[in-house]
Amino acid sequence: MTGRKDAEPFAVVTGASRGLGLVLARFLAGEGYDLLLLAEHAHGLRAAADELAAFRTRVDYVAGDLASASVRSAVRARVMDRRRLDLLVNNAATLGVTPLPPLEGYPLDRLETIFRVNVLAPLALVQELLPALESAHGLVINISSDAALGGYPGWGAYGASKAALDLLSLTLAHELAGRRIAVLSVDPGDMRTPGVERALPESDLNGRAPPEVTLPFWAWLLHQDRDRISGHRFSAQSERWEVPA
């Protein structure tokens, strides 16, 4: 980290070395957030941190698998140096086996991995960072998927993990309301990302938008009252966004 005061808003973004996570990191840096970026591989994180230096914001990163308790402890140590966390974006996820196989023959050990990465790791990270989130009246954004609702052939394992993450988000929103920690989930919509390209190697993805298509949504969301948006599930590519009364 270099050169600014700890009074700046502070965000943690997982899966931040590429795709939607990197787009979100760029957006938040432009909004004046200091950042802690997380992803599995250090080289992508270093490149992201170098790029974001142009925003003259403070950027740090932790490389490793967030399903590992030791990695999450390292994240907690960095966050508690700041004593507060304004925003946690749980974006990191795995699609599991690619190309995507049907559930009838899905290897159960790989299904366990999907749930460990896509459900247990985000929950564990929230648990680790609760004191810092509470200090800032922070916001947790869990990245979901339309696969959580669609029942699409081949997407059952990934979709089931995202459906579980949606329910986890809603339950946490209710449980943490008294501590003024807001929690919600966001379906970013169909996008062209490296993960989708691996999942659908024979499909023509040229018609899919890049993750930057979600930027108007993030600009809207982060200026809403956190108590009002907590507990809701939003679709980033909807024609309009509303906070239910």
Protein backbone atom coordinates (compact mmCIF):
# COMPACT_ATOMS: atom_id res chain seq x y z
CA MET A 1 0.00 0.00 0.00
CA THR A 2 1.12 3.52 -0.67
CA GLY A 3 0.39 6.92 0.52
CA ARG A 4 -3.18 7.78 1.67
CA LYS A 5 -5.14 8.12 4.87
CA ASP A 6 -7.21 5.34 6.39
CA ALA A 7 -10.28 7.58 6.24
CA GLU A 8 -10.94 6.45 2.65
CA PRO A 9 -13.66 3.82 2.14
CA PHE A 10 -12.19 0.34 2.09
CA ALA A 11 -13.36 -2.66 0.04
CA VAL A 12 -12.39 -6.32 -0.29
CA VAL A 13 -13.05 -7.91 -3.68
CA THR A 14 -12.54 -11.63 -4.24
CA GLY A 15 -11.84 -13.13 -7.65
CA ALA A 16 -10.39 -9.74 -8.56
CA SER A 17 -7.66 -10.63 -11.04
CA ARG A 18 -9.92 -10.81 -14.13
CA GLY A 19 -13.49 -10.72 -15.40
CA LEU A 20 -16.20 -9.15 -13.28
CA GLY A 21 -13.97 -8.93 -10.21
CA LEU A 22 -11.40 -6.80 -12.02
CA VAL A 23 -14.10 -4.60 -13.54
CA LEU A 24 -15.53 -4.05 -10.05
CA ALA A 25 -12.08 -3.27 -8.65
CA ARG A 26 -11.54 -0.63 -11.35
CA PHE A 27 -14.94 0.89 -10.63
CA LEU A 28 -14.36 1.03 -6.88
CA ALA A 29 -10.90 2.55 -7.34
CA GLY A 30 -12.50 5.24 -9.47
CA GLU A 31 -15.00 5.84 -6.66
CA GLY A 32 -12.16 6.45 -4.21
CA TYR A 33 -12.08 3.10 -2.42
CA ASP A 34 -8.90 1.62 -1.05
CA LEU A 35 -8.80 -2.04 -2.03
CA LEU A 36 -7.73 -5.45 -0.87
CA LEU A 37 -7.87 -7.80 -3.86
CA LEU A 38 -8.08 -11.57 -3.57
CA ALA A 39 -7.59 -14.30 -6.15
CA GLU A 40 -5.95 -17.66 -6.42
CA HIS A 41 -2.85 -16.65 -8.41
CA ALA A 42 -0.43 -13.88 -7.54
CA HIS A 43 0.63 -12.90 -11.07
CA GLY A 44 -2.87 -11.76 -12.04
CA LEU A 45 -3.25 -9.85 -8.79
CA ARG A 46 0.07 -8.08 -9.28
CA ALA A 47 -1.02 -7.00 -12.76
CA ALA A 48 -4.35 -5.75 -11.40
CA ALA A 49 -2.65 -3.83 -8.58
CA ASP A 50 -0.21 -2.24 -11.03
CA GLU A 51 -3.09 -1.16 -13.27
CA LEU A 52 -5.09 0.29 -10.39
CA ALA A 53 -2.14 2.36 -9.22
CA ALA A 54 -3.21 4.86 -11.87
CA PHE A 55 -6.20 5.73 -9.68
CA ARG A 56 -3.85 6.86 -6.89
CA THR A 57 -5.66 4.60 -4.44
CA ARG A 58 -4.20 2.16 -1.93
CA VAL A 59 -4.19 -1.40 -3.29
CA ASP A 60 -3.06 -4.55 -1.50
CA TYR A 61 -3.67 -8.18 -2.39
CA VAL A 62 -3.65 -11.70 -0.97
CA ALA A 63 -3.16 -14.68 -3.29
CA GLY A 64 -4.55 -18.10 -2.47
CA ASP A 65 -7.60 -20.32 -2.24
CA LEU A 66 -10.24 -18.75 0.00
CA ALA A 67 -11.45 -22.23 0.90
CA SER A 68 -8.24 -22.39 2.97
CA ALA A 69 -8.51 -21.17 6.56
CA SER A 70 -4.93 -19.88 6.48
CA VAL A 71 -5.67 -17.67 3.48
CA ARG A 72 -8.78 -16.26 5.16
CA SER A 73 -6.75 -15.57 8.31
CA ALA A 74 -4.28 -13.58 6.21
CA VAL A 75 -7.16 -11.57 4.79
CA ARG A 76 -8.53 -10.91 8.26
CA ALA A 77 -5.15 -9.67 9.45
CA ARG A 78 -4.93 -7.16 6.57
CA VAL A 79 -8.48 -5.96 7.11
CA MET A 80 -8.12 -5.58 10.86
CA ASP A 81 -5.13 -3.31 10.27
CA ARG A 82 -7.76 -0.88 9.00
CA ARG A 83 -10.25 -1.80 11.78
CA ARG A 84 -13.19 -1.22 9.43
CA LEU A 85 -14.50 -2.63 6.17
CA ASP A 86 -17.08 -0.71 4.14
CA LEU A 87 -17.66 -3.28 1.41
CA LEU A 88 -17.04 -7.01 0.89
CA VAL A 89 -17.70 -8.42 -2.58
CA ASN A 90 -17.76 -12.21 -2.63
CA ASN A 91 -17.18 -12.72 -6.35
CA ALA A 92 -14.72 -15.64 -6.44
CA ALA A 93 -16.32 -18.90 -7.57
CA THR A 94 -15.65 -22.09 -9.45
CA LEU A 95 -17.78 -23.62 -12.20
CA GLY A 96 -16.54 -27.07 -11.29
CA VAL A 97 -16.12 -29.63 -14.06
CA THR A 98 -15.89 -28.07 -17.53
CA PRO A 99 -17.32 -28.60 -20.10
CA LEU A 100 -20.40 -28.84 -17.91
CA PRO A 101 -21.70 -32.39 -17.30
CA PRO A 102 -25.26 -33.34 -16.26
CA LEU A 103 -26.04 -33.97 -12.61
CA GLU A 104 -26.89 -37.62 -13.23
CA GLY A 105 -23.20 -38.45 -13.47
CA TYR A 106 -21.61 -35.49 -11.70
CA PRO A 107 -18.56 -36.53 -9.64
CA LEU A 108 -19.54 -35.93 -6.04
CA ASP A 109 -16.05 -35.00 -4.91
CA ARG A 110 -16.09 -32.13 -7.41
CA LEU A 111 -19.55 -31.12 -6.23
CA GLU A 112 -18.18 -30.86 -2.70
CA THR A 113 -15.42 -28.58 -4.03
CA ILE A 114 -17.99 -26.32 -5.70
CA PHE A 115 -19.89 -25.89 -2.43
CA ARG A 116 -16.68 -25.39 -0.46
CA VAL A 117 -15.58 -22.57 -2.78
CA ASN A 118 -18.92 -20.99 -3.74
CA VAL A 119 -20.83 -21.27 -0.45
CA LEU A 120 -18.66 -22.10 2.54
CA ALA A 121 -15.75 -19.78 1.66
CA PRO A 122 -17.95 -16.65 1.29
CA LEU A 123 -19.71 -17.43 4.57
CA ALA A 124 -16.41 -18.08 6.33
CA LEU A 125 -15.01 -14.79 5.03
CA VAL A 126 -18.04 -12.90 6.35
CA GLN A 127 -17.54 -14.59 9.72
CA GLU A 128 -13.85 -13.59 9.77
CA LEU A 129 -14.58 -9.97 8.87
CA LEU A 130 -17.68 -9.30 10.98
CA PRO A 131 -15.95 -6.94 13.47
CA ALA A 132 -14.61 -4.74 10.67
CA LEU A 133 -17.92 -4.79 8.80
CA GLU A 134 -19.78 -3.82 11.96
CA SER A 135 -17.41 -0.93 12.62
CA ALA A 136 -18.22 0.54 9.20
CA HIS A 137 -21.91 -0.40 9.01
CA GLY A 138 -20.63 -2.34 6.01
CA LEU A 139 -22.20 -3.97 2.97
CA VAL A 140 -21.69 -7.57 1.79
CA ILE A 141 -22.42 -8.31 -1.88
CA ASN A 142 -22.57 -11.98 -2.82
CA ILE A 143 -22.36 -12.59 -6.56
CA SER A 144 -25.05 -15.03 -7.65
CA SER A 145 -26.16 -16.25 -11.09
CA ASP A 146 -29.29 -16.83 -13.15
CA ALA A 147 -28.29 -20.50 -12.92
CA ALA A 148 -29.50 -20.37 -9.31
CA LEU A 149 -33.06 -20.11 -10.64
CA GLY A 150 -32.95 -21.52 -14.15
CA GLY A 151 -32.45 -25.27 -13.83
CA TYR A 152 -30.36 -25.20 -17.01
CA PRO A 153 -29.02 -28.58 -18.17
CA GLY A 154 -25.35 -28.86 -17.30
CA TRP A 155 -25.47 -25.96 -14.85
CA GLY A 156 -27.04 -27.90 -11.98
CA ALA A 157 -24.00 -28.16 -9.72
CA TYR A 158 -22.97 -24.52 -10.11
CA GLY A 159 -26.59 -23.33 -9.97
CA ALA A 160 -27.25 -25.27 -6.77
CA SER A 161 -24.27 -23.60 -5.10
CA LYS A 162 -25.51 -20.16 -6.15
CA ALA A 163 -29.03 -20.93 -4.93
CA ALA A 164 -27.49 -21.83 -1.57
CA LEU A 165 -25.53 -18.57 -1.62
CA ASP A 166 -28.76 -16.63 -2.27
CA LEU A 167 -30.43 -18.17 0.78
CA LEU A 168 -27.30 -17.61 2.85
CA SER A 169 -27.37 -13.93 1.81
CA LEU A 170 -31.02 -13.48 2.77
CA THR A 171 -30.57 -15.21 6.11
CA LEU A 172 -27.47 -13.19 6.98
CA ALA A 173 -29.33 -10.00 6.08
CA HIS A 174 -31.98 -10.85 8.66
CA GLU A 175 -29.51 -12.01 11.30
CA LEU A 176 -27.11 -9.07 10.97
CA ALA A 177 -29.66 -6.27 10.66
CA GLY A 178 -29.27 -5.44 14.33
CA ARG A 179 -25.55 -4.95 13.80
CA ARG A 180 -26.23 -2.68 10.81
CA ILE A 181 -24.44 -4.95 8.35
CA ALA A 182 -26.27 -5.11 5.03
CA VAL A 183 -26.14 -8.27 2.90
CA LEU A 184 -27.53 -8.85 -0.59
CA SER A 185 -26.99 -10.95 -3.68
CA VAL A 186 -26.53 -9.86 -7.28
CA ASP A 187 -27.05 -11.82 -10.49
CA PRO A 188 -24.71 -10.08 -12.96
CA GLY A 189 -26.43 -11.67 -15.98
CA ASP A 190 -24.98 -13.36 -19.05
CA MET A 191 -21.49 -12.12 -19.78
CA ARG A 192 -18.47 -13.20 -21.74
CA THR A 193 -15.87 -14.18 -19.15
CA PRO A 194 -12.97 -16.67 -19.12
CA GLY A 195 -15.01 -19.02 -16.94
CA VAL A 196 -17.95 -19.10 -19.33
CA GLU A 197 -15.60 -19.67 -22.26
CA ARG A 198 -14.23 -22.76 -20.50
CA ALA A 199 -17.71 -23.98 -19.62
CA LEU A 200 -19.08 -23.59 -23.16
CA PRO A 201 -16.08 -24.15 -25.44
CA GLU A 202 -18.16 -24.97 -28.52
CA SER A 203 -20.62 -22.08 -28.17
CA ASP A 204 -20.53 -18.76 -29.97
CA LEU A 205 -20.20 -16.22 -27.17
CA ASN A 206 -19.70 -13.17 -29.38
CA GLY A 207 -23.20 -11.96 -28.59
CA ARG A 208 -22.53 -11.87 -24.86
CA ALA A 209 -21.59 -8.55 -23.33
CA PRO A 210 -18.34 -8.05 -21.39
CA PRO A 211 -18.54 -7.53 -17.62
CA GLU A 212 -18.41 -3.76 -18.15
CA VAL A 213 -22.11 -3.95 -19.09
CA THR A 214 -22.84 -4.09 -15.34
CA LEU A 215 -21.17 -0.77 -14.51
CA PRO A 216 -24.38 1.34 -14.52
CA PHE A 217 -25.86 -1.05 -11.98
CA TRP A 218 -22.92 -0.76 -9.58
CA ALA A 219 -23.04 3.03 -9.85
CA TRP A 220 -26.74 2.87 -8.88
CA LEU A 221 -26.41 0.25 -6.14
CA LEU A 222 -23.62 1.84 -4.15
CA HIS A 223 -25.58 5.07 -3.77
CA GLN A 224 -28.65 3.37 -2.28
CA ASP A 225 -29.54 3.29 1.41
CA ARG A 226 -27.89 0.11 2.70
CA ASP A 227 -30.60 -0.71 5.19
CA ARG A 228 -33.21 -0.63 2.40
CA ILE A 229 -31.32 -2.82 -0.08
CA SER A 230 -30.27 -5.43 2.48
CA GLY A 231 -31.86 -8.82 1.96
CA HIS A 232 -32.73 -8.27 -1.69
CA ARG A 233 -31.55 -10.02 -4.84
CA PHE A 234 -30.80 -7.78 -7.80
CA SER A 235 -30.24 -8.46 -11.50
CA ALA A 236 -27.49 -6.20 -12.79
CA GLN A 237 -28.66 -6.27 -16.40
CA SER A 238 -32.29 -5.42 -15.72
CA GLU A 239 -33.72 -2.50 -17.64
CA ARG A 240 -34.30 -0.69 -14.36
CA TRP A 241 -33.55 -1.28 -10.70
CA GLU A 242 -35.86 -0.62 -7.81
CA VAL A 243 -35.66 -1.10 -4.06
CA PRO A 244 -38.88 -2.81 -2.95
CA ALA A 245 -40.92 -0.66 -0.57
